[in-house]
Structures are given as structure tokens and as C-alpha cells.
Protein backbone atom coordinates (compact mmCIF):
# COMPACT_ATOMS: atom_id res chain seq x y z
CA MET A 1 3.01 14.34 147.68
CA LYS A 2 6.38 14.34 148.76
CA LEU A 3 8.83 12.19 146.61
CA LEU A 4 11.38 9.61 147.68
CA GLU A 5 14.78 11.05 148.30
CA SER A 6 17.84 8.76 147.88
CA LYS A 7 21.15 8.43 150.43
CA THR A 8 23.00 5.70 148.48
CA GLY A 9 22.02 4.12 144.97
CA LEU A 10 19.84 1.50 144.26
CA ASN A 11 20.38 -1.83 144.93
CA GLY A 12 19.02 -5.10 144.75
CA THR A 13 16.51 -7.33 142.56
CA LEU A 14 13.22 -6.51 140.88
CA VAL A 15 10.48 -8.01 139.10
CA VAL A 16 8.91 -5.33 137.07
CA PRO A 17 5.22 -5.11 136.27
CA ALA A 18 4.33 -7.20 133.07
CA ASP A 19 4.35 -5.39 129.69
CA LYS A 20 1.30 -3.42 129.49
CA SER A 21 1.16 -3.50 125.63
CA ILE A 22 1.25 -7.24 125.83
CA SER A 23 -1.68 -7.06 128.23
CA HIS A 24 -4.00 -5.18 126.35
CA ARG A 25 -3.45 -7.46 123.42
CA SER A 26 -3.64 -10.56 125.07
CA ILE A 27 -7.30 -9.54 125.99
CA MET A 28 -8.37 -8.61 122.88
CA PHE A 29 -7.03 -11.60 120.83
CA GLY A 30 -8.33 -13.99 123.31
CA ALA A 31 -11.83 -12.26 123.03
CA ILE A 32 -11.86 -12.38 119.34
CA SER A 33 -10.39 -15.75 119.45
CA HIS A 34 -12.33 -18.89 119.41
CA GLY A 35 -11.62 -21.31 122.73
CA LYS A 36 -9.93 -20.58 125.77
CA THR A 37 -7.28 -18.22 126.03
CA ILE A 38 -5.11 -18.33 129.44
CA VAL A 39 -3.11 -15.14 130.24
CA HIS A 40 -0.40 -15.51 132.81
CA ASN A 41 1.64 -12.53 134.43
CA PHE A 42 -1.33 -9.90 133.14
CA LEU A 43 -0.61 -6.48 134.45
CA ARG A 44 -3.45 -5.50 136.79
CA ALA A 45 -3.23 -1.78 136.49
CA GLU A 46 -5.72 0.72 135.33
CA ASP A 47 -5.26 0.98 131.72
CA CYS A 48 -5.45 -2.76 131.13
CA LEU A 49 -8.41 -3.45 133.43
CA SER A 50 -10.13 -0.79 131.41
CA THR A 51 -9.96 -3.40 128.29
CA VAL A 52 -10.98 -6.18 130.51
CA ALA A 53 -14.10 -4.21 131.29
CA VAL A 54 -14.96 -3.18 127.85
CA PHE A 55 -14.94 -6.50 126.34
CA LYS A 56 -17.13 -8.05 129.50
CA ALA A 57 -19.22 -5.44 128.39
CA LEU A 58 -19.12 -6.90 124.80
CA GLY A 59 -20.13 -9.88 126.22
CA VAL A 60 -16.86 -12.05 126.47
CA THR A 61 -16.38 -14.18 129.61
CA ILE A 62 -13.22 -13.38 131.46
CA LYS A 63 -12.18 -14.59 134.50
CA ASP A 64 -9.26 -13.71 136.95
CA ASP A 65 -8.64 -16.28 139.18
CA GLY A 66 -5.89 -14.30 141.29
CA THR A 67 -3.08 -15.70 139.25
CA ASP A 68 -4.29 -16.30 135.44
CA ILE A 69 -6.84 -14.07 133.46
CA ILE A 70 -9.05 -16.82 131.33
CA ILE A 71 -10.89 -15.49 128.37
CA ASP A 72 -13.61 -17.80 126.87
CA GLY A 73 -13.42 -16.51 123.14
CA LYS A 74 -15.80 -17.45 120.52
CA GLY A 75 -14.60 -15.36 117.71
CA PHE A 76 -15.56 -11.89 116.25
CA ASP A 77 -19.09 -12.69 115.24
CA HIS A 78 -20.10 -13.35 119.19
CA LEU A 79 -19.39 -10.16 120.27
CA LYS A 80 -22.42 -8.23 121.38
CA ALA A 81 -23.71 -4.66 121.65
CA ALA A 82 -23.32 -3.09 125.15
CA LYS A 83 -25.89 -1.92 126.88
CA LYS A 84 -24.20 1.72 127.65
CA PRO A 85 -21.30 3.32 126.24
CA LEU A 86 -18.20 1.26 126.48
CA ASP A 87 -15.57 3.20 128.48
CA ALA A 88 -11.87 3.16 127.90
CA GLY A 89 -10.98 5.22 130.90
CA ASN A 90 -7.64 6.84 130.58
CA SER A 91 -6.43 4.25 127.87
CA GLY A 92 -5.61 5.42 124.65
CA THR A 93 -4.52 1.96 123.44
CA THR A 94 -7.75 0.59 124.42
CA MET A 95 -9.68 3.12 122.38
CA ARG A 96 -7.71 3.07 119.43
CA LEU A 97 -7.28 -0.81 118.94
CA VAL A 98 -11.18 -1.16 119.93
CA LEU A 99 -11.88 0.79 117.31
CA GLY A 100 -10.79 -1.23 114.52
CA ILE A 101 -12.55 -4.02 116.16
CA LEU A 102 -15.94 -2.42 116.26
CA ALA A 103 -15.56 -1.06 112.89
CA GLY A 104 -16.61 -4.62 111.48
CA GLN A 105 -19.19 -5.74 113.82
CA SER A 106 -22.82 -5.98 112.74
CA PHE A 107 -23.88 -3.27 115.74
CA SER A 108 -23.21 -0.01 116.80
CA ALA A 109 -21.35 0.91 119.72
CA LYS A 110 -19.94 4.28 121.57
CA ILE A 111 -16.69 4.47 123.34
CA ALA A 112 -15.45 7.06 125.51
CA GLY A 113 -12.71 7.70 128.21
CA ASP A 114 -11.72 10.10 130.94
CA ALA A 115 -11.36 13.76 130.29
CA SER A 116 -7.92 13.22 129.91
CA LEU A 117 -8.77 10.41 126.77
CA ASN A 118 -11.65 12.63 125.28
CA ARG A 119 -9.00 15.22 124.33
CA ARG A 120 -6.58 12.99 122.54
CA PRO A 121 -7.04 13.03 118.52
CA MET A 122 -8.81 9.89 117.28
CA GLU A 123 -8.81 11.03 113.07
CA ARG A 124 -5.56 9.11 112.66
CA VAL A 125 -7.59 5.89 113.18
CA MET A 126 -10.80 6.62 111.97
CA GLY A 127 -9.45 7.79 108.88
CA PRO A 128 -7.85 4.50 107.46
CA LEU A 129 -10.97 2.43 109.10
CA ARG A 130 -13.34 4.58 106.85
CA MET A 131 -11.46 4.20 104.07
CA MET A 132 -12.43 0.47 104.69
CA GLY A 133 -15.87 1.02 104.77
CA GLY A 134 -15.77 1.89 108.54
CA LYS A 135 -18.36 4.15 110.12
CA LEU A 136 -16.88 6.26 112.94
CA GLN A 137 -17.76 9.85 114.11
CA GLY A 138 -16.30 11.82 116.87
CA GLU A 139 -18.13 13.75 119.44
CA MET A 140 -20.07 16.74 117.47
CA GLY A 141 -18.55 15.50 114.23
CA SER A 142 -14.99 15.97 115.75
CA GLU A 143 -12.00 13.56 115.84
CA PHE A 144 -12.48 13.51 119.53
CA PRO A 145 -13.98 11.13 121.77
CA PRO A 146 -16.82 9.85 122.45
CA ILE A 147 -16.67 7.91 119.36
CA GLU A 148 -19.93 6.55 117.48
CA VAL A 149 -19.37 3.36 115.64
CA GLN A 150 -21.77 1.99 113.45
CA GLY A 151 -20.64 -1.43 112.76
CA SER A 152 -20.33 -2.29 108.76
CA PRO A 153 -19.01 -4.52 106.33
CA LEU A 154 -15.50 -4.11 105.75
CA VAL A 155 -13.05 -4.10 102.41
CA ALA A 156 -9.32 -4.34 102.30
CA ILE A 157 -6.80 -1.43 101.59
CA THR A 158 -3.48 -0.57 100.93
CA TYR A 159 -2.77 1.87 103.48
CA GLU A 160 0.39 4.14 103.68
CA MET A 161 0.93 4.73 107.19
CA PRO A 162 1.82 8.84 107.26
CA ILE A 163 3.00 8.43 110.90
CA ALA A 164 4.83 5.55 112.88
CA SER A 165 2.26 4.30 115.22
CA ALA A 166 1.68 0.65 116.58
CA GLN A 167 -1.95 1.82 117.87
CA VAL A 168 -2.65 3.26 114.74
CA LYS A 169 -1.30 0.16 112.98
CA SER A 170 -3.05 -2.30 115.43
CA ALA A 171 -6.54 -0.95 114.67
CA ILE A 172 -6.18 -1.20 110.92
CA LEU A 173 -5.00 -4.69 111.63
CA PHE A 174 -7.75 -5.91 113.79
CA ALA A 175 -10.10 -4.43 111.01
CA ALA A 176 -8.27 -6.61 108.32
CA LEU A 177 -8.40 -9.28 110.15
CA GLN A 178 -12.48 -8.78 109.55
CA ALA A 179 -12.71 -7.51 106.17
CA GLU A 180 -12.91 -8.96 102.63
CA GLY A 181 -9.93 -9.31 100.52
CA SER A 182 -6.07 -8.73 101.85
CA THR A 183 -5.07 -5.40 103.39
CA THR A 184 -1.52 -4.20 103.10
CA ILE A 185 -0.01 -1.59 106.01
CA ILE A 186 3.02 0.10 104.59
CA GLU A 187 5.15 1.45 107.69
CA LYS A 188 6.74 4.80 107.83
CA GLU A 189 9.21 3.98 110.53
CA LYS A 190 8.78 -0.03 112.18
CA SER A 191 7.02 0.63 115.40
CA ARG A 192 6.16 -1.86 118.12
CA ASN A 193 4.97 -5.22 116.39
CA HIS A 194 3.03 -7.26 119.32
CA THR A 195 -0.20 -7.04 117.29
CA GLU A 196 1.73 -8.84 114.27
CA GLU A 197 3.17 -11.21 116.72
CA MET A 198 0.11 -12.09 118.49
CA ILE A 199 -1.57 -12.65 115.18
CA LYS A 200 0.60 -15.52 114.27
CA GLN A 201 0.82 -16.69 118.03
CA PHE A 202 -3.02 -17.20 117.91
CA GLY A 203 -2.98 -19.09 114.21
CA GLY A 204 -3.66 -16.46 111.91
CA SER A 205 -2.10 -15.64 108.58
CA ILE A 206 0.32 -12.62 108.02
CA SER A 207 2.79 -11.52 105.70
CA ILE A 208 5.64 -9.02 106.30
CA GLU A 209 8.48 -8.17 103.99
CA GLY A 210 10.28 -5.44 105.79
CA LYS A 211 7.88 -2.09 106.48
CA GLU A 212 5.11 -3.96 104.42
CA ILE A 213 2.66 -5.85 106.05
CA THR A 214 -0.14 -7.87 104.63
CA VAL A 215 -3.02 -9.53 106.26
CA PRO A 216 -5.84 -11.77 104.91
CA GLY A 217 -9.47 -11.08 106.05
CA GLY A 218 -12.05 -13.48 107.16
CA GLN A 219 -9.76 -15.29 109.30
CA LYS A 220 -10.43 -17.60 112.44
CA LEU A 221 -8.08 -17.01 115.49
CA ILE A 222 -7.59 -19.84 118.09
CA GLY A 223 -7.34 -19.54 121.63
CA GLN A 224 -3.73 -19.79 123.28
CA GLU A 225 -1.63 -19.28 126.30
CA VAL A 226 0.23 -16.02 126.75
CA THR A 227 2.79 -15.41 129.20
CA VAL A 228 3.55 -11.30 129.40
CA PRO A 229 6.95 -10.35 130.25
CA GLY A 230 8.07 -7.45 132.28
CA ASP A 231 7.63 -4.03 130.71
CA ILE A 232 10.73 -2.51 129.33
CA SER A 233 8.77 0.74 129.58
CA SER A 234 8.54 0.22 133.48
CA ALA A 235 12.22 -1.05 133.80
CA ALA A 236 13.34 2.13 131.90
CA PHE A 237 12.79 4.27 134.92
CA TYR A 238 15.15 1.89 137.00
CA LEU A 239 17.84 1.49 134.25
CA VAL A 240 18.44 5.24 134.46
CA ALA A 241 17.85 5.84 138.28
CA ALA A 242 20.71 3.23 138.61
CA SER A 243 22.89 4.75 136.24
CA LEU A 244 22.86 7.97 137.40
CA LEU A 245 23.01 6.92 141.36
CA PRO A 246 26.37 6.32 142.32
CA ASN A 247 26.94 2.94 143.97
CA SER A 248 24.07 1.29 142.23
CA ALA A 249 24.15 -2.22 141.27
CA LEU A 250 20.42 -3.52 140.27
CA GLU A 251 19.28 -6.64 138.59
CA LEU A 252 15.71 -6.23 136.63
CA LYS A 253 14.26 -9.91 135.64
CA HIS A 254 12.28 -11.21 132.96
CA VAL A 255 12.16 -7.76 131.27
CA GLY A 256 10.73 -7.98 127.54
CA ILE A 257 13.62 -7.34 125.09
CA ASN A 258 11.31 -7.44 121.77
CA PRO A 259 13.68 -5.51 119.07
CA THR A 260 10.99 -2.98 118.56
CA ARG A 261 10.87 -2.10 121.88
CA THR A 262 14.75 -1.91 122.91
CA GLY A 263 15.63 1.37 121.78
CA ILE A 264 16.23 2.40 125.25
CA LEU A 265 18.81 0.15 125.85
CA ASP A 266 20.61 1.03 122.87
CA VAL A 267 20.62 4.70 123.77
CA LEU A 268 21.59 4.40 127.08
CA GLN A 269 24.43 2.16 126.13
CA GLU A 270 25.30 4.83 123.39
CA MET A 271 25.39 7.12 126.30
CA GLY A 272 27.83 5.23 128.28
CA ALA A 273 25.49 3.05 130.32
CA ASN A 274 26.77 -0.16 131.91
CA ILE A 275 23.87 -2.35 131.21
CA ARG A 276 23.92 -6.24 130.54
CA GLN A 277 21.63 -9.23 129.49
CA THR A 278 21.59 -12.35 131.12
CA ALA A 279 18.82 -15.20 131.18
CA LEU A 280 17.87 -15.07 127.72
CA ASP A 281 14.17 -16.45 127.45
CA ALA A 282 14.13 -16.40 123.37
CA GLN A 283 10.55 -18.09 123.29
CA ASN A 284 9.19 -14.94 125.37
CA GLN A 285 11.43 -12.25 123.95
CA ALA A 286 12.50 -11.61 127.46
CA ALA A 287 16.28 -11.25 129.64
CA ASP A 288 17.35 -10.54 133.11
CA LEU A 289 18.94 -6.94 132.99
CA LEU A 290 22.04 -6.06 135.39
CA ILE A 291 22.92 -2.12 135.43
CA LYS A 292 25.64 -0.59 137.51
CA SER A 293 26.27 3.19 137.75
CA ALA A 294 28.04 4.84 135.02
CA PRO A 295 29.06 8.51 133.75
CA LEU A 296 26.87 9.23 130.79
CA LYS A 297 27.51 11.49 127.83
CA ALA A 298 25.04 13.00 125.41
CA VAL A 299 23.75 11.52 121.98
CA GLU A 300 21.88 13.20 119.27
CA ILE A 301 18.16 10.82 119.10
CA GLY A 302 15.94 10.73 115.73
CA GLY A 303 14.89 8.80 112.97
CA GLU A 304 14.07 5.29 112.72
CA ILE A 305 14.90 4.81 116.50
CA ILE A 306 11.82 6.58 117.84
CA PRO A 307 9.18 4.44 117.28
CA ARG A 308 11.23 1.98 119.42
CA LEU A 309 11.58 4.29 122.47
CA ILE A 310 8.69 6.83 122.23
CA ASP A 311 7.47 6.30 125.67
CA GLU A 312 10.96 6.20 127.38
CA LEU A 313 11.61 9.52 126.09
CA PRO A 314 10.69 11.29 129.19
CA ILE A 315 13.09 9.53 131.19
CA ILE A 316 16.05 9.41 128.48
CA ALA A 317 15.42 13.10 128.94
CA LEU A 318 16.23 13.23 132.41
CA ALA A 319 19.31 11.06 132.24
CA ALA A 320 20.14 13.46 129.49
CA THR A 321 20.10 16.45 132.20
CA GLN A 322 23.11 14.41 134.24
CA ALA A 323 24.86 13.74 130.65
CA THR A 324 28.13 15.65 129.58
CA GLY A 325 27.05 17.61 126.72
CA THR A 326 24.19 18.70 124.70
CA THR A 327 21.50 15.91 123.75
CA ILE A 328 19.07 16.71 120.88
CA ILE A 329 15.89 14.62 120.63
CA ARG A 330 13.93 15.20 117.16
CA ASP A 331 11.34 13.40 115.06
CA ALA A 332 9.25 12.77 118.13
CA GLN A 333 5.78 14.73 117.25
CA GLU A 334 4.17 11.53 118.36
CA LEU A 335 4.81 12.71 121.94
CA LYS A 336 2.52 15.55 121.56
CA VAL A 337 -1.06 13.40 121.49
CA LYS A 338 0.26 11.09 124.64
CA GLU A 339 -1.68 11.29 127.88
CA THR A 340 -0.31 14.94 127.98
CA ASN A 341 1.82 16.97 125.52
CA ARG A 342 5.04 15.22 126.82
CA ILE A 343 7.38 17.49 125.09
CA ASP A 344 6.33 20.29 126.67
CA ALA A 345 5.48 18.88 129.98
CA THR A 346 8.86 17.25 130.26
CA ALA A 347 10.68 20.30 129.46
CA GLN A 348 8.23 22.36 131.69
CA GLU A 349 8.47 20.14 135.04
CA LEU A 350 12.23 19.42 134.80
CA ASN A 351 13.39 22.96 134.18
CA LYS A 352 11.46 23.87 137.50
CA LEU A 353 14.13 21.61 139.22
CA GLY A 354 17.13 23.28 137.57
CA ALA A 355 17.29 21.59 134.14
CA ASN A 356 18.19 23.54 131.06
CA ILE A 357 15.46 22.02 128.16
CA GLU A 358 14.67 23.83 125.42
CA THR A 359 11.49 22.78 123.20
CA THR A 360 11.18 22.38 119.46
CA GLU A 361 8.31 21.51 117.22
CA ASP A 362 9.29 17.55 117.18
CA GLY A 363 11.47 17.28 120.28
CA LEU A 364 13.81 18.69 122.80
CA ILE A 365 17.35 20.02 123.16
CA ILE A 366 18.73 18.94 126.68
CA HIS A 367 22.05 20.72 127.97
CA GLY A 368 24.24 19.02 130.58
CA PRO A 369 25.20 18.15 133.14
CA THR A 370 22.95 20.31 135.35
CA ALA A 371 22.72 20.14 139.12
CA LEU A 372 18.81 19.25 140.19
CA HIS A 373 17.22 20.92 142.91
CA GLY A 374 14.03 20.44 145.17
CA GLY A 375 10.71 22.21 144.31
CA ASP A 376 7.07 21.32 143.36
CA VAL A 377 6.08 19.65 140.08
CA ASP A 378 3.04 18.09 138.49
CA SER A 379 2.40 14.76 136.43
CA HIS A 380 -0.16 16.53 134.12
CA GLY A 381 -2.28 13.31 134.76
CA ASP A 382 0.70 11.29 132.66
CA HIS A 383 1.97 8.51 134.53
CA ARG A 384 5.19 8.42 132.83
CA ILE A 385 5.69 12.03 133.56
CA GLY A 386 5.26 11.42 137.43
CA MET A 387 7.43 8.21 137.31
CA MET A 388 10.19 10.20 135.67
CA LEU A 389 9.92 13.25 138.22
CA GLN A 390 10.21 10.65 141.25
CA ILE A 391 13.73 9.36 139.53
CA ALA A 392 14.51 13.07 139.23
CA ALA A 393 14.08 13.59 142.92
CA LEU A 394 16.00 10.70 144.12
CA LEU A 395 19.12 13.12 142.48
CA THR A 396 18.37 16.19 144.29
CA LYS A 397 19.20 17.41 148.23
CA GLU A 398 16.07 19.03 148.52
CA SER A 399 12.52 17.62 148.63
CA VAL A 400 10.42 17.41 145.80
CA ASP A 401 6.67 17.28 146.11
CA LEU A 402 4.61 15.84 143.41
CA ASN A 403 0.96 17.00 142.56
CA ASN A 404 -1.26 14.14 140.89
CA PRO A 405 0.90 11.53 141.81
CA GLU A 406 -2.14 8.95 141.23
CA ALA A 407 -1.94 8.82 137.46
CA ILE A 408 1.11 6.41 138.06
CA ASN A 409 -1.68 3.63 139.23
CA ILE A 410 -2.34 3.86 135.05
CA SER A 411 0.47 1.45 134.55
CA TYR A 412 2.32 0.75 137.86
CA PRO A 413 0.43 0.98 141.05
CA SER A 414 3.18 -0.68 143.32
CA PHE A 415 5.92 1.85 141.71
CA PHE A 416 6.42 3.78 144.83
CA ASN A 417 6.78 0.64 147.17
CA ASP A 418 9.02 -1.08 144.50
CA LEU A 419 11.24 1.58 144.22
CA SER A 420 11.67 2.28 148.03
CA ALA A 421 12.39 -1.30 148.66
CA LEU A 422 15.72 -0.50 146.59
CA LEU A 423 17.12 2.47 148.45
């Protein structure tokens, strides 16, 4: 596919797609709660629709009236065994979080994904769930899907996270809600906290002291109304594009600004980006973002900020190719177990276009600024790599052709149309 080219900057106003992480969790919490849950502004992208399909297969009534998603929840105890293996598609969030729910059920289940997801490791989730009494096993005894789960009674644990991972943490929290006793999770670094926030929103009990999270078991959650803000991970592509393209002036409406997700804003502003927040919606943790083009400078990125921008690192790497100086990204090992190895894929594809990027064990060294040129690139089946490469194509004088562009549908089906309207 020939990617869009830019003759001028990005100008106009855009409502970015709804937050993917919150959309996933709204379905899960609605399914395990008692009563009706209504989700406004749900993200109807492939990953989130995989979550909907999984819970329908588990016997939950979920309706889409074209505007809202309505979930008729009856609690953990009313989930039912599926008639065939559950299909998580390409969604690691679906698989990892659902494992925490299935572990405490009274029935057995099997969950698998597409070829890409079935190559992604699950031991980091299965390990702590086994400590709680869960019975989970990967294909042929491995840590890879399909995963067999034999539901069983769970007991509380104290678990010190070896890595910062919201998916692992969330799987344990879903199991903890079903376990006997109070489970404590000690985070290595704070990761996105949507699951903790939604436990509170759905009437649950949770205690958070610094990096220590405690959840009593045997809880009953109550259905709620959820309004999903715009996804800052999707907004990130426009934040970088408008910063890099001259004569840009862009407004992104009602973007989520949960503090555990706003590392991208902190880093871009440290690099010199011109970004302002207006129209603050404190209840839904959202704001409008105003971006104008500005020269960028190199920074070092590592430590506790990494979990707050892990999904945005490929597009930050692109920004760094145009920044003055050498940008260093470290402590980002988690990128290796995303939809693809994003450390290698980011460097490989941007270097094809003229970037000067070195890979390390846990990150990237990016020398800038470098002029980018046209070429043939590949998404590696990863939506965020695909969208990052489209933004890179806006910076080249020659055309860029992208293989496997359909991966972008995983989180942002209207991406090319939305971007085209701003050029």
C-alpha cells in the first residue's frame, strides 16, 4: 500500500478513537458485575471486539445498539463454559486478563489467538495465577497459547511483580476478586491503573499505598455507566506528526490523560514540543490537546516513566530521528513481547528509510536529526509499527510503500481516513 504524503502540515480538529485499554476492561467488568453496564464511546476495533466475542461465548448477554454497548452482568458465578475454544484474535490484553477471570471459575476452558498471539509468552501471567491455585497450561506444556484453564478455587497471595506490566497486574487482580483472602501486589514501577480505577468505579474494595495494591476476595461488583475517553496511544501519532511537520496546528478532542498513561506528553514536552491541554474533564480524566509544530531535541528515556509510555515508544523513536542530538531509550524490554519485537522492528523499518538507530538489549539509541527517504517497509503485523511508518512517510519526499497495512485495524480502523482529512 502506498502511504499518504504531506505537502503541508497537519491542521484541523480530530476526535481520536476511544481508549483501547478502557474499552477492553469495560466489557470485562460489565460481564463479572451484577446488573446492567452501559458503555459509551466504545472502541469498535478488532482487539476490543475479540473481548466482546469471548464474553458472549462465556454466556454473557452483550448488545450493541449502534451507539452504546449494553452488558447484562450476572456476576462471576454465572459465566458458563464455552462450546468451543475462546478466540482472543490478536489481542494480548484479552488473553492475559481473561486468564485471570477463567482461573477461578468452576469449569474448564481453552483460549487461543491468531498466529501472532500464539507466539507471545504467557508464563508471566500463568505463574502468579498458579501460585493462587490456578491450573493453567500452555500448548504441549509450554508457555504459549492455546492455554488450557481448569477452573479451581483460588487463594490470596502476596506477589512482587518482577516487571512493570499492567496486563499481568490486571490478570492477578481479576483472580484476586474471586480468591479466598486478601491479595497484595507490589509493583516494580507503577503501570497503567485502569483496572484498579474500575474496581472502585464498579463498587469494589481496593487499597493502594504507593506501589502496594491490596484487594479482598469474594467481592460483588455492581454494573455502571462507563464513558470511554479518547486513546492517548492513538493520539500519540498525531502529537508527533504535528510536532514534526512545519506549519501544523492541530486540536485533538477529549483525549484520556490518566497520569499512568501520559508519559508521551512528558517526553514530547521535554523534547521541546508545543502541546497545551484545555477543556479538562476531571471525572473522565480527559482533556483537549492543542499541538503546534516545534523543533525537537534529544532526551534520555528510562526508569519509572517507561510503563507510562510503553506503547508509544515506536512513535517516540520516530520523533527522535528528527530531534537534535542522540536519544537513548532504555529499560524497555517489555517491547520485545508486544505484537512483534518492537525494539527490532522499529529500528529495522526506520533504518530502511534512512534513520540511524542502534538496538540494545533493552532499548534503542537514535542519532538525529536524519533526513528520511522513501522505500518499502513492513508493519510486521503490528498496528503501532504500521501507524508509526505512515507518520514517517509524511516526512519523506519520495513515496513509502507499506506491507501488511491491515494490522492497523486492530486498534484504529479509520486511521488513514482521519489522517488524510488533516493533510
